[in-house]
Amino acid sequence: MKKTFLLLVFTLLLHTGFSKKVKFAVDMTGQTISAFGMHVSGDFQEAAGYPLNWESNSTPLTQEGTTDIYSIVVDIPAFNKYEYKFVNGDQFYDAEFVPEESRVGYNFNDIRFIF
């Protein structure tokens, strides 16, 4: 019994050590939401089970209740850097302008990142 319990705990710890639930959320207060909805796009999409990375219309965000917050929770491998952008619509010309302090790097690389 004790061995089974320890094996179960070890398996759960091993699983949670290699994948994480990540919530992408954006507050759209004061913004007009596109008729095509809100999306998030990035290099995490394939790892989360979506068809392609950087596909602007395949990862829709859902409005949280009656708030102006739109979000999605995805399960992606841990210990990796992921880049992403929010898209107000379904095309990249609808993508956000990322403030300099939130950008991946330099040279006008206007993309957010998480690790």
C-alpha atoms as a PDB file:
ATOM      1  CA  MET A   1       0.000   0.000   0.000  1.00  0.00           C
ATOM      2  CA  LYS A   2       2.758   2.406   0.970  1.00  0.00           C
ATOM      3  CA  LYS A   3       4.735   1.613  -2.211  1.00  0.00           C
ATOM      4  CA  THR A   4       1.666   2.197  -4.371  1.00  0.00           C
ATOM      5  CA  PHE A   5       1.016   5.542  -2.709  1.00  0.00           C
ATOM      6  CA  LEU A   6       4.643   6.643  -3.129  1.00  0.00           C
ATOM      7  CA  LEU A   7       4.612   5.539  -6.785  1.00  0.00           C
ATOM      8  CA  LEU A   8       1.434   7.556  -7.366  1.00  0.00           C
ATOM      9  CA  VAL A   9       2.927  10.656  -5.710  1.00  0.00           C
ATOM     10  CA  PHE A  10       6.165  10.276  -7.711  1.00  0.00           C
ATOM     11  CA  THR A  11       4.194   9.926 -10.966  1.00  0.00           C
ATOM     12  CA  LEU A  12       2.157  13.056 -10.217  1.00  0.00           C
ATOM     13  CA  LEU A  13       5.274  15.039  -9.347  1.00  0.00           C
ATOM     14  CA  LEU A  14       7.013  13.839 -12.485  1.00  0.00           C
ATOM     15  CA  HIS A  15       4.038  14.814 -14.664  1.00  0.00           C
ATOM     16  CA  THR A  16       3.659  18.264 -13.120  1.00  0.00           C
ATOM     17  CA  GLY A  17       7.396  18.876 -13.440  1.00  0.00           C
ATOM     18  CA  PHE A  18       7.268  18.674 -17.223  1.00  0.00           C
ATOM     19  CA  SER A  19       4.025  20.415 -18.077  1.00  0.00           C
ATOM     20  CA  LYS A  20       2.327  23.492 -16.725  1.00  0.00           C
ATOM     21  CA  LYS A  21      -1.064  25.063 -17.056  1.00  0.00           C
ATOM     22  CA  VAL A  22      -0.587  28.624 -18.257  1.00  0.00           C
ATOM     23  CA  LYS A  23      -3.299  31.254 -18.375  1.00  0.00           C
ATOM     24  CA  PHE A  24      -3.031  33.903 -21.070  1.00  0.00           C
ATOM     25  CA  ALA A  25      -5.274  36.844 -20.147  1.00  0.00           C
ATOM     26  CA  VAL A  26      -5.724  40.380 -21.412  1.00  0.00           C
ATOM     27  CA  ASP A  27      -7.834  43.238 -20.028  1.00  0.00           C
ATOM     28  CA  MET A  28      -9.643  44.923 -22.913  1.00  0.00           C
ATOM     29  CA  THR A  29     -11.294  47.693 -20.873  1.00  0.00           C
ATOM     30  CA  GLY A  30     -11.981  50.685 -23.109  1.00  0.00           C
ATOM     31  CA  GLN A  31     -11.223  48.759 -26.323  1.00  0.00           C
ATOM     32  CA  THR A  32     -13.626  47.750 -29.078  1.00  0.00           C
ATOM     33  CA  ILE A  33     -13.578  43.975 -29.494  1.00  0.00           C
ATOM     34  CA  SER A  34     -13.443  42.707 -33.069  1.00  0.00           C
ATOM     35  CA  ALA A  35     -16.443  40.785 -34.387  1.00  0.00           C
ATOM     36  CA  PHE A  36     -13.943  37.952 -35.005  1.00  0.00           C
ATOM     37  CA  GLY A  37     -13.115  37.799 -31.280  1.00  0.00           C
ATOM     38  CA  MET A  38      -9.915  37.875 -29.270  1.00  0.00           C
ATOM     39  CA  HIS A  39      -7.052  35.442 -29.887  1.00  0.00           C
ATOM     40  CA  VAL A  40      -3.550  34.696 -28.664  1.00  0.00           C
ATOM     41  CA  SER A  41      -0.864  33.585 -31.069  1.00  0.00           C
ATOM     42  CA  GLY A  42       2.648  32.311 -30.428  1.00  0.00           C
ATOM     43  CA  ASP A  43       5.233  29.592 -30.570  1.00  0.00           C
ATOM     44  CA  PHE A  44       3.445  27.633 -27.811  1.00  0.00           C
ATOM     45  CA  GLN A  45       0.420  26.683 -29.936  1.00  0.00           C
ATOM     46  CA  GLU A  46       1.645  23.336 -31.301  1.00  0.00           C
ATOM     47  CA  ALA A  47       2.829  22.271 -27.830  1.00  0.00           C
ATOM     48  CA  ALA A  48      -0.653  23.113 -26.506  1.00  0.00           C
ATOM     49  CA  GLY A  49      -2.349  20.962 -29.166  1.00  0.00           C
ATOM     50  CA  TYR A  50      -3.256  23.571 -31.773  1.00  0.00           C
ATOM     51  CA  PRO A  51      -2.470  22.958 -35.472  1.00  0.00           C
ATOM     52  CA  LEU A  52       0.345  25.467 -36.055  1.00  0.00           C
ATOM     53  CA  ASN A  53       2.486  27.963 -34.172  1.00  0.00           C
ATOM     54  CA  TRP A  54       1.883  31.649 -34.879  1.00  0.00           C
ATOM     55  CA  GLU A  55      -1.549  30.980 -36.375  1.00  0.00           C
ATOM     56  CA  SER A  56      -3.489  34.148 -35.623  1.00  0.00           C
ATOM     57  CA  ASN A  57      -7.002  32.688 -35.508  1.00  0.00           C
ATOM     58  CA  SER A  58      -6.740  29.207 -33.980  1.00  0.00           C
ATOM     59  CA  THR A  59      -6.461  30.015 -30.256  1.00  0.00           C
ATOM     60  CA  PRO A  60      -9.521  32.035 -29.229  1.00  0.00           C
ATOM     61  CA  LEU A  61      -9.804  33.778 -25.877  1.00  0.00           C
ATOM     62  CA  THR A  62     -13.019  33.593 -23.877  1.00  0.00           C
ATOM     63  CA  GLN A  63     -14.573  36.524 -22.048  1.00  0.00           C
ATOM     64  CA  GLU A  64     -14.516  36.003 -18.268  1.00  0.00           C
ATOM     65  CA  GLY A  65     -18.105  36.536 -17.179  1.00  0.00           C
ATOM     66  CA  THR A  66     -19.196  40.138 -17.736  1.00  0.00           C
ATOM     67  CA  THR A  67     -15.694  41.568 -17.285  1.00  0.00           C
ATOM     68  CA  ASP A  68     -13.506  42.971 -20.042  1.00  0.00           C
ATOM     69  CA  ILE A  69     -10.922  40.243 -19.439  1.00  0.00           C
ATOM     70  CA  TYR A  70     -10.393  37.625 -22.144  1.00  0.00           C
ATOM     71  CA  SER A  71      -8.400  34.484 -21.383  1.00  0.00           C
ATOM     72  CA  ILE A  72      -7.490  30.885 -22.132  1.00  0.00           C
ATOM     73  CA  VAL A  73      -5.682  28.205 -20.117  1.00  0.00           C
ATOM     74  CA  VAL A  74      -3.320  25.894 -22.009  1.00  0.00           C
ATOM     75  CA  ASP A  75      -1.149  22.988 -20.901  1.00  0.00           C
ATOM     76  CA  ILE A  76       2.406  23.392 -22.260  1.00  0.00           C
ATOM     77  CA  PRO A  77       5.800  21.853 -21.453  1.00  0.00           C
ATOM     78  CA  ALA A  78       7.656  23.516 -18.594  1.00  0.00           C
ATOM     79  CA  PHE A  79      11.167  24.982 -18.603  1.00  0.00           C
ATOM     80  CA  ASN A  80      10.857  26.607 -22.035  1.00  0.00           C
ATOM     81  CA  LYS A  81      10.630  30.192 -23.234  1.00  0.00           C
ATOM     82  CA  TYR A  82       7.489  30.929 -25.227  1.00  0.00           C
ATOM     83  CA  GLU A  83       6.742  34.028 -27.289  1.00  0.00           C
ATOM     84  CA  TYR A  84       3.218  35.318 -27.925  1.00  0.00           C
ATOM     85  CA  LYS A  85       0.982  38.228 -28.900  1.00  0.00           C
ATOM     86  CA  PHE A  86      -2.657  39.055 -28.334  1.00  0.00           C
ATOM     87  CA  VAL A  87      -4.772  39.570 -31.458  1.00  0.00           C
ATOM     88  CA  ASN A  88      -7.988  41.637 -31.432  1.00  0.00           C
ATOM     89  CA  GLY A  89      -9.477  39.861 -34.431  1.00  0.00           C
ATOM     90  CA  ASP A  90      -8.180  36.929 -36.440  1.00  0.00           C
ATOM     91  CA  GLN A  91      -5.389  38.415 -38.583  1.00  0.00           C
ATOM     92  CA  PHE A  92      -1.899  39.584 -37.656  1.00  0.00           C
ATOM     93  CA  TYR A  93      -2.618  43.149 -38.704  1.00  0.00           C
ATOM     94  CA  ASP A  94      -5.009  43.109 -35.701  1.00  0.00           C
ATOM     95  CA  ALA A  95      -2.166  42.188 -33.304  1.00  0.00           C
ATOM     96  CA  GLU A  96      -1.292  44.366 -30.348  1.00  0.00           C
ATOM     97  CA  PHE A  97       1.581  46.799 -30.154  1.00  0.00           C
ATOM     98  CA  VAL A  98       3.698  45.472 -27.286  1.00  0.00           C
ATOM     99  CA  PRO A  99       5.242  48.121 -24.991  1.00  0.00           C
ATOM    100  CA  GLU A 100       9.037  48.137 -24.966  1.00  0.00           C
ATOM    101  CA  GLU A 101       9.325  46.975 -21.342  1.00  0.00           C
ATOM    102  CA  SER A 102       7.290  43.827 -22.140  1.00  0.00           C
ATOM    103  CA  ARG A 103       9.121  42.821 -25.320  1.00  0.00           C
ATOM    104  CA  VAL A 104      11.265  39.753 -25.955  1.00  0.00           C
ATOM    105  CA  GLY A 105      14.367  41.672 -26.830  1.00  0.00           C
ATOM    106  CA  TYR A 106      15.516  44.532 -28.924  1.00  0.00           C
ATOM    107  CA  ASN A 107      15.553  45.623 -32.592  1.00  0.00           C
ATOM    108  CA  PHE A 108      11.793  46.237 -32.578  1.00  0.00           C
ATOM    109  CA  ASN A 109      10.974  42.582 -31.743  1.00  0.00           C
ATOM    110  CA  ASP A 110       7.523  43.505 -30.553  1.00  0.00           C
ATOM    111  CA  ILE A 111       6.506  40.141 -29.001  1.00  0.00           C
ATOM    112  CA  ARG A 112       5.789  39.179 -25.371  1.00  0.00           C
ATOM    113  CA  PHE A 113       7.390  36.169 -23.674  1.00  0.00           C
ATOM    114  CA  ILE A 114       7.003  33.841 -20.698  1.00  0.00           C
ATOM    115  CA  PHE A 115       9.332  31.262 -19.213  1.00  0.00           C
END
